[in-house]
């Protein structure tokens, strides 16, 4: 691995956000393939962060700092991309279901997904079934992520999946669900394609859905 790419990777893993921008700018001046910077530097770093988080070696605050560090670097590389270099791994639609205004967990998942190379469209919070379905039709994402923190709003996830089925859209998009009261048994019961107990698992799940 190029030494500068390794430095970028280490900076993200360690959350050294103050130095990431200068590191990325410098390596971009060398003429190195930008896809290498993204794949072996930015995305590879977030893979390690996800693994460390899953193993209990990192906690949410550290993971968030790493994700923000990655985004700072990605923001520099994105305007320089042409053609297929750095093409998104897939599109993920994310939202917190109707009646629920919590978004911290959702936002962490979004940062992890972006770090893994996905294009993520954030629908926000308190999203009703009709809006979710309309966006699935409009955007045609590979993955739909639904979040809920309140047990009273969990049935909204089932309503979304049922409506996708009623509209003949269910086989077009993989649905993953998550949130504090959600578990694998509930995900299976409502017909979701998967359950992510945390951001690292959600990222791994999304990658598996697109064959990564």
N, C-alpha and C. Protein backbone atom coordinates (compact mmCIF):
# COMPACT_ATOMS: atom_id res chain seq x y z
N UNK A 1 0.84 -1.20 0.00
CA UNK A 1 0.00 0.00 0.00
C UNK A 1 0.87 1.25 0.00
N UNK A 2 0.47 2.24 -0.78
CA UNK A 2 1.18 3.52 -0.81
C UNK A 2 1.24 4.10 0.60
N UNK A 3 2.40 4.62 0.96
CA UNK A 3 2.60 5.11 2.33
C UNK A 3 1.59 6.19 2.70
N UNK A 4 1.30 7.09 1.76
CA UNK A 4 0.35 8.18 2.06
C UNK A 4 -1.07 7.64 2.25
N UNK A 5 -1.42 6.61 1.49
CA UNK A 5 -2.74 5.99 1.64
C UNK A 5 -2.83 5.34 3.03
N UNK A 6 -1.76 4.72 3.46
CA UNK A 6 -1.73 4.10 4.78
C UNK A 6 -1.90 5.14 5.87
N UNK A 7 -1.28 6.31 5.69
CA UNK A 7 -1.42 7.39 6.67
C UNK A 7 -2.86 7.87 6.76
N UNK A 8 -3.51 7.96 5.59
CA UNK A 8 -4.91 8.37 5.56
C UNK A 8 -5.77 7.35 6.30
N UNK A 9 -5.51 6.09 6.01
CA UNK A 9 -6.26 5.02 6.67
C UNK A 9 -6.10 5.07 8.18
N UNK A 10 -4.87 5.23 8.64
CA UNK A 10 -4.60 5.28 10.08
C UNK A 10 -5.24 6.50 10.73
N UNK A 11 -5.23 7.63 10.02
CA UNK A 11 -5.82 8.86 10.57
C UNK A 11 -7.31 8.71 10.80
N UNK A 12 -7.97 8.01 9.87
CA UNK A 12 -9.41 7.80 10.02
C UNK A 12 -9.69 6.84 11.16
N UNK A 13 -8.97 5.74 11.21
CA UNK A 13 -9.17 4.76 12.27
C UNK A 13 -8.97 5.39 13.65
N UNK A 14 -7.98 6.26 13.75
CA UNK A 14 -7.67 6.90 15.02
C UNK A 14 -8.43 8.20 15.23
N UNK A 15 -9.24 8.60 14.23
CA UNK A 15 -10.06 9.80 14.38
C UNK A 15 -9.29 11.10 14.42
N UNK A 16 -8.17 11.15 13.69
CA UNK A 16 -7.36 12.38 13.69
C UNK A 16 -7.90 13.34 12.63
N UNK A 17 -9.04 13.94 12.95
CA UNK A 17 -9.75 14.76 11.98
C UNK A 17 -9.03 16.05 11.60
N UNK A 18 -8.14 16.52 12.45
CA UNK A 18 -7.46 17.78 12.16
C UNK A 18 -6.43 17.66 11.05
N UNK A 19 -5.98 16.43 10.78
CA UNK A 19 -4.93 16.26 9.78
C UNK A 19 -5.41 15.60 8.49
N UNK A 20 -6.63 15.08 8.47
CA UNK A 20 -7.07 14.29 7.32
C UNK A 20 -7.15 15.12 6.04
N UNK A 21 -7.62 16.36 6.14
CA UNK A 21 -7.79 17.17 4.93
C UNK A 21 -6.45 17.45 4.25
N UNK A 22 -5.45 17.79 5.04
CA UNK A 22 -4.14 18.08 4.45
C UNK A 22 -3.53 16.81 3.84
N UNK A 23 -3.72 15.67 4.49
CA UNK A 23 -3.21 14.41 3.97
C UNK A 23 -3.85 14.07 2.62
N UNK A 24 -5.15 14.24 2.54
CA UNK A 24 -5.85 13.91 1.30
C UNK A 24 -5.48 14.89 0.19
N UNK A 25 -5.38 16.17 0.52
CA UNK A 25 -5.00 17.15 -0.50
C UNK A 25 -3.62 16.85 -1.06
N UNK A 26 -2.71 16.49 -0.20
CA UNK A 26 -1.34 16.22 -0.63
C UNK A 26 -1.27 15.00 -1.53
N UNK A 27 -1.99 13.94 -1.17
CA UNK A 27 -1.92 12.73 -1.99
C UNK A 27 -2.61 12.94 -3.34
N UNK A 28 -3.65 13.79 -3.36
CA UNK A 28 -4.34 14.06 -4.62
C UNK A 28 -3.42 14.80 -5.61
N UNK A 29 -2.46 15.55 -5.09
CA UNK A 29 -1.52 16.29 -5.94
C UNK A 29 -0.50 15.36 -6.61
N UNK A 30 -0.34 14.15 -6.08
CA UNK A 30 0.67 13.24 -6.61
C UNK A 30 0.22 12.53 -7.88
N UNK A 31 -1.08 12.63 -8.19
CA UNK A 31 -1.59 11.95 -9.38
C UNK A 31 -1.98 10.51 -9.14
N UNK A 32 -2.00 10.09 -7.89
CA UNK A 32 -2.39 8.73 -7.57
C UNK A 32 -3.85 8.49 -7.98
N UNK A 33 -4.16 7.28 -8.34
CA UNK A 33 -5.53 6.93 -8.71
C UNK A 33 -6.45 7.20 -7.52
N UNK A 34 -7.46 8.04 -7.75
CA UNK A 34 -8.34 8.44 -6.66
C UNK A 34 -9.16 7.27 -6.12
N UNK A 35 -9.45 6.31 -6.98
CA UNK A 35 -10.20 5.14 -6.52
C UNK A 35 -9.38 4.37 -5.49
N UNK A 36 -8.06 4.39 -5.64
CA UNK A 36 -7.18 3.74 -4.67
C UNK A 36 -7.26 4.45 -3.32
N UNK A 37 -7.31 5.77 -3.37
CA UNK A 37 -7.43 6.56 -2.14
C UNK A 37 -8.72 6.22 -1.42
N UNK A 38 -9.80 6.11 -2.20
CA UNK A 38 -11.11 5.83 -1.61
C UNK A 38 -11.19 4.40 -1.09
N UNK A 39 -10.81 3.45 -1.94
CA UNK A 39 -10.98 2.04 -1.58
C UNK A 39 -10.00 1.59 -0.50
N UNK A 40 -8.71 1.91 -0.69
CA UNK A 40 -7.68 1.41 0.23
C UNK A 40 -7.43 2.34 1.42
N UNK A 41 -7.89 3.58 1.28
CA UNK A 41 -7.71 4.53 2.37
C UNK A 41 -8.99 4.74 3.17
N UNK A 42 -9.97 5.41 2.54
CA UNK A 42 -11.20 5.80 3.24
C UNK A 42 -12.08 4.61 3.61
N UNK A 43 -12.44 3.81 2.61
CA UNK A 43 -13.36 2.70 2.86
C UNK A 43 -12.70 1.61 3.70
N UNK A 44 -11.45 1.31 3.40
CA UNK A 44 -10.74 0.28 4.17
C UNK A 44 -10.65 0.67 5.64
N UNK A 45 -10.47 1.97 5.90
CA UNK A 45 -10.40 2.45 7.28
C UNK A 45 -11.72 2.22 8.00
N UNK A 46 -12.83 2.52 7.33
CA UNK A 46 -14.14 2.34 7.96
C UNK A 46 -14.47 0.87 8.16
N UNK A 47 -13.93 0.00 7.30
CA UNK A 47 -14.09 -1.44 7.53
C UNK A 47 -13.44 -1.83 8.86
N UNK A 48 -12.25 -1.30 9.09
CA UNK A 48 -11.53 -1.60 10.34
C UNK A 48 -12.30 -1.02 11.54
N UNK A 49 -12.81 0.20 11.37
CA UNK A 49 -13.57 0.84 12.45
C UNK A 49 -14.80 -0.01 12.79
N UNK A 50 -15.49 -0.50 11.74
CA UNK A 50 -16.66 -1.35 11.97
C UNK A 50 -16.30 -2.62 12.70
N UNK A 51 -15.18 -3.22 12.33
CA UNK A 51 -14.73 -4.45 12.99
C UNK A 51 -14.37 -4.20 14.45
N UNK A 52 -13.69 -3.09 14.70
CA UNK A 52 -13.30 -2.75 16.07
C UNK A 52 -14.52 -2.43 16.93
N UNK A 53 -15.50 -1.77 16.32
CA UNK A 53 -16.72 -1.46 17.05
C UNK A 53 -17.46 -2.74 17.40
N UNK A 54 -17.56 -3.64 16.42
CA UNK A 54 -18.23 -4.91 16.67
C UNK A 54 -17.55 -5.75 17.72
N UNK A 55 -16.22 -5.60 17.83
CA UNK A 55 -15.45 -6.37 18.80
C UNK A 55 -15.39 -5.69 20.17
N UNK A 56 -16.01 -4.53 20.28
CA UNK A 56 -16.01 -3.81 21.55
C UNK A 56 -14.73 -3.04 21.83
N UNK A 57 -13.90 -2.88 20.79
CA UNK A 57 -12.64 -2.14 20.97
C UNK A 57 -12.84 -0.63 20.77
N UNK A 58 -13.92 -0.27 20.10
CA UNK A 58 -14.29 1.14 19.91
C UNK A 58 -15.73 1.31 20.37
N UNK A 59 -16.06 2.52 20.80
CA UNK A 59 -17.42 2.81 21.23
C UNK A 59 -18.02 3.89 20.33
N UNK A 60 -19.29 4.19 20.53
CA UNK A 60 -19.99 5.10 19.62
C UNK A 60 -19.29 6.45 19.43
N UNK A 61 -18.81 7.12 20.48
CA UNK A 61 -18.14 8.42 20.26
C UNK A 61 -16.92 8.31 19.34
N UNK A 62 -16.09 7.27 19.56
CA UNK A 62 -14.91 7.09 18.72
C UNK A 62 -15.31 6.76 17.28
N UNK A 63 -16.34 5.94 17.14
CA UNK A 63 -16.79 5.58 15.80
C UNK A 63 -17.31 6.80 15.05
N UNK A 64 -18.01 7.67 15.74
CA UNK A 64 -18.54 8.87 15.11
C UNK A 64 -17.41 9.80 14.66
N UNK A 65 -16.38 9.92 15.48
CA UNK A 65 -15.25 10.76 15.11
C UNK A 65 -14.54 10.21 13.88
N UNK A 66 -14.38 8.89 13.84
CA UNK A 66 -13.76 8.26 12.66
C UNK A 66 -14.61 8.49 11.42
N UNK A 67 -15.92 8.35 11.56
CA UNK A 67 -16.82 8.53 10.42
C UNK A 67 -16.77 9.98 9.93
N UNK A 68 -16.73 10.93 10.85
CA UNK A 68 -16.65 12.33 10.46
C UNK A 68 -15.30 12.64 9.80
N UNK A 69 -14.26 12.00 10.30
CA UNK A 69 -12.93 12.18 9.70
C UNK A 69 -12.94 11.67 8.27
N UNK A 70 -13.56 10.50 8.06
CA UNK A 70 -13.66 9.95 6.72
C UNK A 70 -14.41 10.89 5.80
N UNK A 71 -15.50 11.49 6.28
CA UNK A 71 -16.31 12.37 5.44
C UNK A 71 -15.53 13.61 5.03
N UNK A 72 -14.68 14.12 5.92
CA UNK A 72 -13.85 15.27 5.58
C UNK A 72 -12.94 14.94 4.40
N UNK A 73 -12.36 13.73 4.46
CA UNK A 73 -11.49 13.31 3.37
C UNK A 73 -12.27 13.07 2.09
N UNK A 74 -13.42 12.45 2.21
CA UNK A 74 -14.25 12.15 1.04
C UNK A 74 -14.73 13.43 0.35
N UNK A 75 -15.02 14.44 1.13
CA UNK A 75 -15.48 15.71 0.57
C UNK A 75 -14.43 16.37 -0.32
N UNK A 76 -13.17 16.07 -0.06
CA UNK A 76 -12.08 16.61 -0.89
C UNK A 76 -11.94 15.82 -2.18
N UNK A 77 -12.09 14.49 -2.07
CA UNK A 77 -11.91 13.63 -3.23
C UNK A 77 -13.08 13.72 -4.20
N UNK A 78 -14.30 13.82 -3.70
CA UNK A 78 -15.49 13.76 -4.55
C UNK A 78 -15.46 14.71 -5.74
N UNK A 79 -15.11 15.99 -5.55
CA UNK A 79 -15.13 16.92 -6.70
C UNK A 79 -14.11 16.56 -7.78
N UNK A 80 -13.14 15.75 -7.44
CA UNK A 80 -12.08 15.40 -8.39
C UNK A 80 -12.39 14.14 -9.18
N UNK A 81 -13.45 13.44 -8.79
CA UNK A 81 -13.77 12.17 -9.43
C UNK A 81 -14.35 12.37 -10.82
N UNK A 82 -13.98 11.50 -11.74
CA UNK A 82 -14.54 11.50 -13.10
C UNK A 82 -14.81 10.07 -13.50
N UNK A 83 -15.73 9.90 -14.43
CA UNK A 83 -16.02 8.57 -14.93
C UNK A 83 -16.52 7.66 -13.84
N UNK A 84 -15.95 6.47 -13.77
CA UNK A 84 -16.42 5.46 -12.83
C UNK A 84 -15.63 5.45 -11.54
N UNK A 85 -14.60 6.26 -11.49
CA UNK A 85 -13.77 6.26 -10.28
C UNK A 85 -14.61 6.61 -9.07
N UNK A 86 -14.54 5.81 -8.05
CA UNK A 86 -15.27 6.10 -6.83
C UNK A 86 -16.77 5.98 -6.96
N UNK A 87 -17.25 5.27 -7.98
CA UNK A 87 -18.68 5.12 -8.17
C UNK A 87 -19.29 4.49 -6.93
N UNK A 88 -20.50 4.95 -6.52
CA UNK A 88 -21.14 4.40 -5.32
C UNK A 88 -21.33 2.90 -5.41
N UNK A 89 -21.23 2.22 -4.28
CA UNK A 89 -21.44 0.78 -4.23
C UNK A 89 -22.91 0.44 -4.38
N UNK A 90 -23.75 1.41 -4.14
CA UNK A 90 -25.19 1.22 -4.22
C UNK A 90 -25.87 2.39 -3.54
N UNK A 91 -27.19 2.44 -3.62
CA UNK A 91 -27.95 3.53 -3.01
C UNK A 91 -28.79 2.99 -1.87
N UNK A 92 -28.70 3.67 -0.75
CA UNK A 92 -29.48 3.29 0.44
C UNK A 92 -30.40 4.44 0.83
N UNK A 93 -31.66 4.11 1.02
CA UNK A 93 -32.65 5.08 1.49
C UNK A 93 -32.83 4.83 2.98
N UNK A 94 -32.68 5.88 3.80
CA UNK A 94 -32.75 5.72 5.25
C UNK A 94 -33.80 6.65 5.85
N UNK A 95 -34.52 6.18 6.87
CA UNK A 95 -35.48 7.03 7.53
C UNK A 95 -35.94 6.45 8.86
N UNK A 96 -36.39 7.34 9.75
CA UNK A 96 -37.02 6.94 10.99
C UNK A 96 -38.52 6.97 10.78
N UNK A 97 -39.21 5.92 11.17
CA UNK A 97 -40.62 5.75 10.83
C UNK A 97 -41.53 6.77 11.51
N UNK A 98 -42.77 6.83 11.00
CA UNK A 98 -43.76 7.78 11.47
C UNK A 98 -44.01 7.67 12.97
N UNK A 99 -44.08 8.81 13.62
CA UNK A 99 -44.33 8.86 15.06
C UNK A 99 -43.08 8.85 15.90
N UNK A 100 -41.92 8.69 15.24
CA UNK A 100 -40.65 8.60 15.96
C UNK A 100 -39.71 9.72 15.49
N UNK A 101 -39.22 10.49 16.43
CA UNK A 101 -38.37 11.64 16.09
C UNK A 101 -36.90 11.40 16.39
N UNK A 102 -36.55 10.19 16.75
CA UNK A 102 -35.16 9.90 17.11
C UNK A 102 -34.30 9.66 15.86
N UNK A 103 -33.14 10.27 15.83
CA UNK A 103 -32.32 10.13 14.63
C UNK A 103 -30.83 9.89 14.89
N UNK A 104 -30.41 9.82 16.15
CA UNK A 104 -28.97 9.66 16.41
C UNK A 104 -28.46 8.34 15.85
N UNK A 105 -29.16 7.26 16.14
CA UNK A 105 -28.73 5.96 15.63
C UNK A 105 -28.73 5.92 14.12
N UNK A 106 -29.80 6.46 13.53
CA UNK A 106 -29.90 6.52 12.07
C UNK A 106 -28.74 7.29 11.47
N UNK A 107 -28.39 8.40 12.07
CA UNK A 107 -27.32 9.23 11.54
C UNK A 107 -25.96 8.54 11.63
N UNK A 108 -25.76 7.77 12.67
CA UNK A 108 -24.50 7.02 12.79
C UNK A 108 -24.43 5.97 11.70
N UNK A 109 -25.55 5.28 11.46
CA UNK A 109 -25.58 4.28 10.39
C UNK A 109 -25.28 4.93 9.05
N UNK A 110 -25.85 6.10 8.81
CA UNK A 110 -25.62 6.81 7.55
C UNK A 110 -24.14 7.11 7.36
N UNK A 111 -23.48 7.58 8.40
CA UNK A 111 -22.05 7.88 8.29
C UNK A 111 -21.25 6.63 7.97
N UNK A 112 -21.62 5.52 8.60
CA UNK A 112 -20.92 4.27 8.34
C UNK A 112 -21.15 3.80 6.90
N UNK A 113 -22.38 3.94 6.42
CA UNK A 113 -22.69 3.53 5.06
C UNK A 113 -21.95 4.38 4.04
N UNK A 114 -21.89 5.67 4.29
CA UNK A 114 -21.15 6.56 3.39
C UNK A 114 -19.67 6.21 3.42
N UNK A 115 -19.19 5.85 4.59
CA UNK A 115 -17.80 5.43 4.71
C UNK A 115 -17.51 4.15 3.97
N UNK A 116 -18.55 3.32 3.78
CA UNK A 116 -18.40 2.07 3.06
C UNK A 116 -18.60 2.24 1.56
N UNK A 117 -18.83 3.47 1.13
CA UNK A 117 -18.92 3.75 -0.30
C UNK A 117 -20.33 3.82 -0.87
N UNK A 118 -21.35 3.83 -0.02
CA UNK A 118 -22.72 3.92 -0.49
C UNK A 118 -23.16 5.37 -0.67
N UNK A 119 -24.06 5.57 -1.62
CA UNK A 119 -24.78 6.84 -1.69
C UNK A 119 -25.97 6.69 -0.76
N UNK A 120 -26.15 7.61 0.17
CA UNK A 120 -27.23 7.50 1.14
C UNK A 120 -28.15 8.70 1.04
N UNK A 121 -29.44 8.44 0.91
CA UNK A 121 -30.45 9.49 0.93
C UNK A 121 -31.18 9.40 2.25
N UNK A 122 -31.12 10.47 3.01
CA UNK A 122 -31.72 10.51 4.35
C UNK A 122 -33.11 11.15 4.27
N UNK A 123 -34.14 10.37 4.59
CA UNK A 123 -35.51 10.88 4.56
C UNK A 123 -35.86 11.63 5.84
N UNK A 124 -35.00 11.54 6.85
CA UNK A 124 -35.26 12.22 8.10
C UNK A 124 -36.06 11.37 9.07
N UNK A 125 -36.89 12.05 9.88
CA UNK A 125 -37.65 11.36 10.92
C UNK A 125 -39.15 11.52 10.70
N UNK A 126 -39.93 10.71 11.43
CA UNK A 126 -41.39 10.82 11.38
C UNK A 126 -41.91 10.67 9.94
N UNK A 127 -41.37 9.69 9.23
CA UNK A 127 -41.70 9.50 7.81
C UNK A 127 -42.85 8.52 7.66
N UNK A 128 -43.92 8.96 7.00
CA UNK A 128 -45.07 8.06 6.86
C UNK A 128 -44.86 7.08 5.70
N UNK A 129 -45.71 6.09 5.67
CA UNK A 129 -45.58 5.00 4.71
C UNK A 129 -45.60 5.51 3.28
N UNK A 130 -46.52 6.40 2.98
CA UNK A 130 -46.67 6.89 1.61
C UNK A 130 -45.40 7.58 1.11
N UNK A 131 -44.76 8.35 1.97
CA UNK A 131 -43.55 9.04 1.55
C UNK A 131 -42.42 8.04 1.30
N UNK A 132 -42.31 7.05 2.16
CA UNK A 132 -41.26 6.04 1.97
C UNK A 132 -41.46 5.33 0.64
N UNK A 133 -42.68 4.89 0.38
CA UNK A 133 -42.96 4.15 -0.85
C UNK A 133 -42.73 5.04 -2.07
N UNK A 134 -43.16 6.30 -1.99
CA UNK A 134 -42.96 7.22 -3.12
C UNK A 134 -41.48 7.41 -3.42
N UNK A 135 -40.65 7.47 -2.38
CA UNK A 135 -39.21 7.65 -2.58
C UNK A 135 -38.56 6.38 -3.13
N UNK A 136 -39.07 5.22 -2.72
CA UNK A 136 -38.56 3.97 -3.28
C UNK A 136 -38.82 3.94 -4.79
N UNK A 137 -40.02 4.38 -5.19
CA UNK A 137 -40.37 4.42 -6.60
C UNK A 137 -39.50 5.44 -7.34
N UNK A 138 -39.29 6.60 -6.73
CA UNK A 138 -38.53 7.68 -7.37
C UNK A 138 -37.04 7.37 -7.48
N UNK A 139 -36.46 6.89 -6.40
CA UNK A 139 -35.00 6.74 -6.33
C UNK A 139 -34.53 5.35 -6.73
N UNK A 140 -35.38 4.35 -6.54
CA UNK A 140 -35.03 2.95 -6.84
C UNK A 140 -33.74 2.52 -6.12
N UNK A 141 -33.72 2.64 -4.80
CA UNK A 141 -32.53 2.23 -4.04
C UNK A 141 -32.40 0.72 -3.99
N UNK A 142 -31.17 0.25 -3.78
CA UNK A 142 -30.97 -1.17 -3.59
C UNK A 142 -31.40 -1.60 -2.18
N UNK A 143 -31.26 -0.66 -1.24
CA UNK A 143 -31.52 -0.96 0.17
C UNK A 143 -32.38 0.13 0.80
N UNK A 144 -33.32 -0.28 1.64
CA UNK A 144 -34.13 0.65 2.43
C UNK A 144 -33.88 0.34 3.90
N UNK A 145 -33.44 1.35 4.65
CA UNK A 145 -33.19 1.17 6.07
C UNK A 145 -34.24 1.90 6.89
N UNK A 146 -34.90 1.20 7.80
CA UNK A 146 -35.93 1.79 8.64
C UNK A 146 -35.51 1.72 10.10
N UNK A 147 -35.64 2.84 10.81
CA UNK A 147 -35.22 2.92 12.20
C UNK A 147 -36.39 3.28 13.10
N UNK A 148 -36.39 2.73 14.30
CA UNK A 148 -37.40 3.07 15.32
C UNK A 148 -36.78 2.92 16.69
N UNK A 149 -37.05 3.86 17.57
CA UNK A 149 -36.56 3.78 18.95
C UNK A 149 -37.70 3.51 19.92
N UNK A 150 -38.92 3.77 19.49
CA UNK A 150 -40.08 3.57 20.35
C UNK A 150 -40.81 2.29 19.96
N UNK A 151 -41.19 1.49 20.95
CA UNK A 151 -41.93 0.26 20.65
C UNK A 151 -43.26 0.57 19.96
N UNK A 152 -43.83 1.73 20.28
CA UNK A 152 -45.13 2.09 19.70
C UNK A 152 -45.04 2.40 18.20
N UNK A 153 -43.84 2.68 17.71
CA UNK A 153 -43.70 3.00 16.28
C UNK A 153 -43.19 1.82 15.46
N UNK A 154 -42.81 0.75 16.11
CA UNK A 154 -42.29 -0.42 15.39
C UNK A 154 -43.28 -0.97 14.35
N UNK A 155 -44.60 -0.97 14.62
CA UNK A 155 -45.54 -1.48 13.62
C UNK A 155 -45.48 -0.73 12.29
N UNK A 156 -44.97 0.51 12.31
CA UNK A 156 -44.85 1.26 11.06
C UNK A 156 -43.91 0.57 10.08
N UNK A 157 -42.90 -0.12 10.61
CA UNK A 157 -41.98 -0.86 9.75
C UNK A 157 -42.74 -1.92 8.97
N UNK A 158 -43.62 -2.63 9.65
CA UNK A 158 -44.42 -3.67 9.00
C UNK A 158 -45.33 -3.05 7.95
N UNK A 159 -45.89 -1.88 8.25
CA UNK A 159 -46.79 -1.23 7.30
C UNK A 159 -46.05 -0.84 6.02
N UNK A 160 -44.81 -0.39 6.17
CA UNK A 160 -44.01 -0.04 4.99
C UNK A 160 -43.79 -1.26 4.12
N UNK A 161 -43.38 -2.37 4.76
CA UNK A 161 -43.11 -3.59 4.01
C UNK A 161 -44.36 -4.12 3.33
N UNK A 162 -45.49 -4.06 4.04
CA UNK A 162 -46.75 -4.52 3.46
C UNK A 162 -47.15 -3.66 2.26
N UNK A 163 -46.96 -2.35 2.37
CA UNK A 163 -47.32 -1.45 1.28
C UNK A 163 -46.41 -1.65 0.07
N UNK A 164 -45.14 -1.91 0.33
CA UNK A 164 -44.23 -2.22 -0.78
C UNK A 164 -44.71 -3.47 -1.52
N UNK A 165 -45.18 -4.45 -0.75
CA UNK A 165 -45.70 -5.66 -1.35
C UNK A 165 -46.97 -5.41 -2.15
N UNK A 166 -47.85 -4.59 -1.59
CA UNK A 166 -49.12 -4.28 -2.25
C UNK A 166 -48.91 -3.53 -3.56
N UNK A 167 -47.82 -2.77 -3.62
CA UNK A 167 -47.52 -1.99 -4.84
C UNK A 167 -46.65 -2.78 -5.83
N UNK A 168 -46.32 -4.03 -5.49
CA UNK A 168 -45.48 -4.82 -6.37
C UNK A 168 -44.02 -4.39 -6.37
N UNK A 169 -43.59 -3.77 -5.25
CA UNK A 169 -42.23 -3.23 -5.17
C UNK A 169 -41.31 -4.03 -4.25
N UNK A 170 -41.89 -4.99 -3.55
CA UNK A 170 -41.12 -5.63 -2.48
C UNK A 170 -39.84 -6.30 -2.97
N UNK A 171 -39.88 -6.90 -4.16
CA UNK A 171 -38.69 -7.61 -4.62
C UNK A 171 -37.67 -6.69 -5.27
N UNK A 172 -37.97 -5.40 -5.31
CA UNK A 172 -37.03 -4.43 -5.90
C UNK A 172 -36.03 -3.87 -4.90
N UNK A 173 -36.32 -4.01 -3.63
CA UNK A 173 -35.48 -3.36 -2.61
C UNK A 173 -35.33 -4.26 -1.40
N UNK A 174 -34.12 -4.32 -0.86
CA UNK A 174 -33.86 -5.05 0.37
C UNK A 174 -34.17 -4.12 1.55
N UNK A 175 -34.89 -4.63 2.51
CA UNK A 175 -35.28 -3.82 3.67
C UNK A 175 -34.54 -4.30 4.92
N UNK A 176 -33.82 -3.38 5.56
CA UNK A 176 -33.18 -3.71 6.83
C UNK A 176 -33.75 -2.79 7.90
N UNK A 177 -33.90 -3.32 9.10
CA UNK A 177 -34.50 -2.56 10.19
C UNK A 177 -33.56 -2.55 11.39
N UNK A 178 -33.74 -1.53 12.23
CA UNK A 178 -32.91 -1.44 13.42
C UNK A 178 -33.45 -0.43 14.41
N UNK A 179 -32.83 -0.36 15.57
CA UNK A 179 -33.28 0.52 16.64
C UNK A 179 -33.29 -0.26 17.94
N UNK A 180 -33.24 0.44 19.04
CA UNK A 180 -33.11 -0.20 20.35
C UNK A 180 -34.14 -1.30 20.63
N UNK A 181 -35.44 -1.10 20.33
CA UNK A 181 -36.40 -2.16 20.67
C UNK A 181 -36.53 -3.26 19.63
N UNK A 182 -35.84 -3.10 18.51
CA UNK A 182 -35.96 -4.05 17.39
C UNK A 182 -34.97 -5.20 17.59
N UNK A 183 -35.36 -6.39 17.16
CA UNK A 183 -34.44 -7.53 17.20
C UNK A 183 -34.65 -8.40 15.96
N UNK A 184 -33.83 -9.42 15.83
CA UNK A 184 -33.88 -10.27 14.65
C UNK A 184 -35.22 -10.98 14.51
N UNK A 185 -35.81 -11.38 15.62
CA UNK A 185 -37.09 -12.08 15.58
C UNK A 185 -38.19 -11.17 15.02
N UNK A 186 -38.17 -9.92 15.45
CA UNK A 186 -39.16 -8.96 14.95
C UNK A 186 -38.96 -8.71 13.46
N UNK A 187 -37.70 -8.57 13.06
CA UNK A 187 -37.38 -8.34 11.65
C UNK A 187 -37.92 -9.47 10.78
N UNK A 188 -37.72 -10.69 11.25
CA UNK A 188 -38.21 -11.86 10.50
C UNK A 188 -39.73 -11.89 10.47
N UNK A 189 -40.35 -11.55 11.59
CA UNK A 189 -41.80 -11.59 11.71
C UNK A 189 -42.48 -10.64 10.73
N UNK A 190 -41.89 -9.46 10.52
CA UNK A 190 -42.53 -8.47 9.65
C UNK A 190 -42.09 -8.60 8.19
N UNK A 191 -41.20 -9.55 7.92
CA UNK A 191 -40.79 -9.78 6.55
C UNK A 191 -39.64 -8.92 6.06
N UNK A 192 -38.86 -8.36 7.00
CA UNK A 192 -37.67 -7.60 6.59
C UNK A 192 -36.59 -8.56 6.10
N UNK A 193 -35.65 -8.03 5.33
CA UNK A 193 -34.57 -8.87 4.80
C UNK A 193 -33.42 -9.02 5.78
N UNK A 194 -33.38 -8.15 6.78
CA UNK A 194 -32.30 -8.24 7.74
C UNK A 194 -32.45 -7.25 8.88
N UNK A 195 -31.65 -7.47 9.92
CA UNK A 195 -31.66 -6.63 11.13
C UNK A 195 -30.24 -6.29 11.51
N UNK A 196 -30.01 -5.00 11.75
CA UNK A 196 -28.70 -4.57 12.21
C UNK A 196 -28.78 -4.06 13.64
N UNK A 197 -28.10 -4.73 14.56
CA UNK A 197 -28.20 -4.32 15.96
C UNK A 197 -27.42 -3.05 16.23
N UNK A 198 -26.46 -2.72 15.33
CA UNK A 198 -25.70 -1.48 15.48
C UNK A 198 -25.24 -1.03 14.10
N UNK A 199 -24.53 0.09 14.05
CA UNK A 199 -24.11 0.66 12.77
C UNK A 199 -23.18 -0.25 12.00
N UNK A 200 -22.30 -0.93 12.71
CA UNK A 200 -21.36 -1.82 12.04
C UNK A 200 -22.08 -2.98 11.36
N UNK A 201 -23.07 -3.55 12.05
CA UNK A 201 -23.84 -4.64 11.46
C UNK A 201 -24.69 -4.16 10.30
N UNK A 202 -25.24 -2.96 10.43
CA UNK A 202 -26.05 -2.40 9.34
C UNK A 202 -25.20 -2.20 8.09
N UNK A 203 -23.98 -1.73 8.28
CA UNK A 203 -23.07 -1.54 7.15
C UNK A 203 -22.75 -2.88 6.49
N UNK A 204 -22.45 -3.88 7.30
CA UNK A 204 -22.13 -5.22 6.76
C UNK A 204 -23.34 -5.80 6.03
N UNK A 205 -24.51 -5.57 6.57
CA UNK A 205 -25.74 -6.09 5.97
C UNK A 205 -25.98 -5.44 4.61
N UNK A 206 -25.84 -4.13 4.55
CA UNK A 206 -26.04 -3.41 3.30
C UNK A 206 -25.06 -3.88 2.24
N UNK A 207 -23.83 -4.12 2.66
CA UNK A 207 -22.82 -4.60 1.70
C UNK A 207 -23.17 -5.99 1.18
N UNK A 208 -23.68 -6.83 2.06
CA UNK A 208 -24.06 -8.17 1.62
C UNK A 208 -25.22 -8.12 0.64
N UNK A 209 -26.11 -7.15 0.81
CA UNK A 209 -27.26 -7.02 -0.08
C UNK A 209 -26.84 -6.68 -1.52
N UNK A 210 -25.73 -5.97 -1.66
CA UNK A 210 -25.29 -5.58 -3.01
C UNK A 210 -24.13 -6.45 -3.49
N UNK A 211 -23.88 -7.52 -2.77
CA UNK A 211 -22.87 -8.47 -3.21
C UNK A 211 -21.44 -8.10 -2.93
N UNK A 212 -21.21 -7.32 -1.86
CA UNK A 212 -19.84 -6.92 -1.49
C UNK A 212 -19.33 -7.79 -0.33
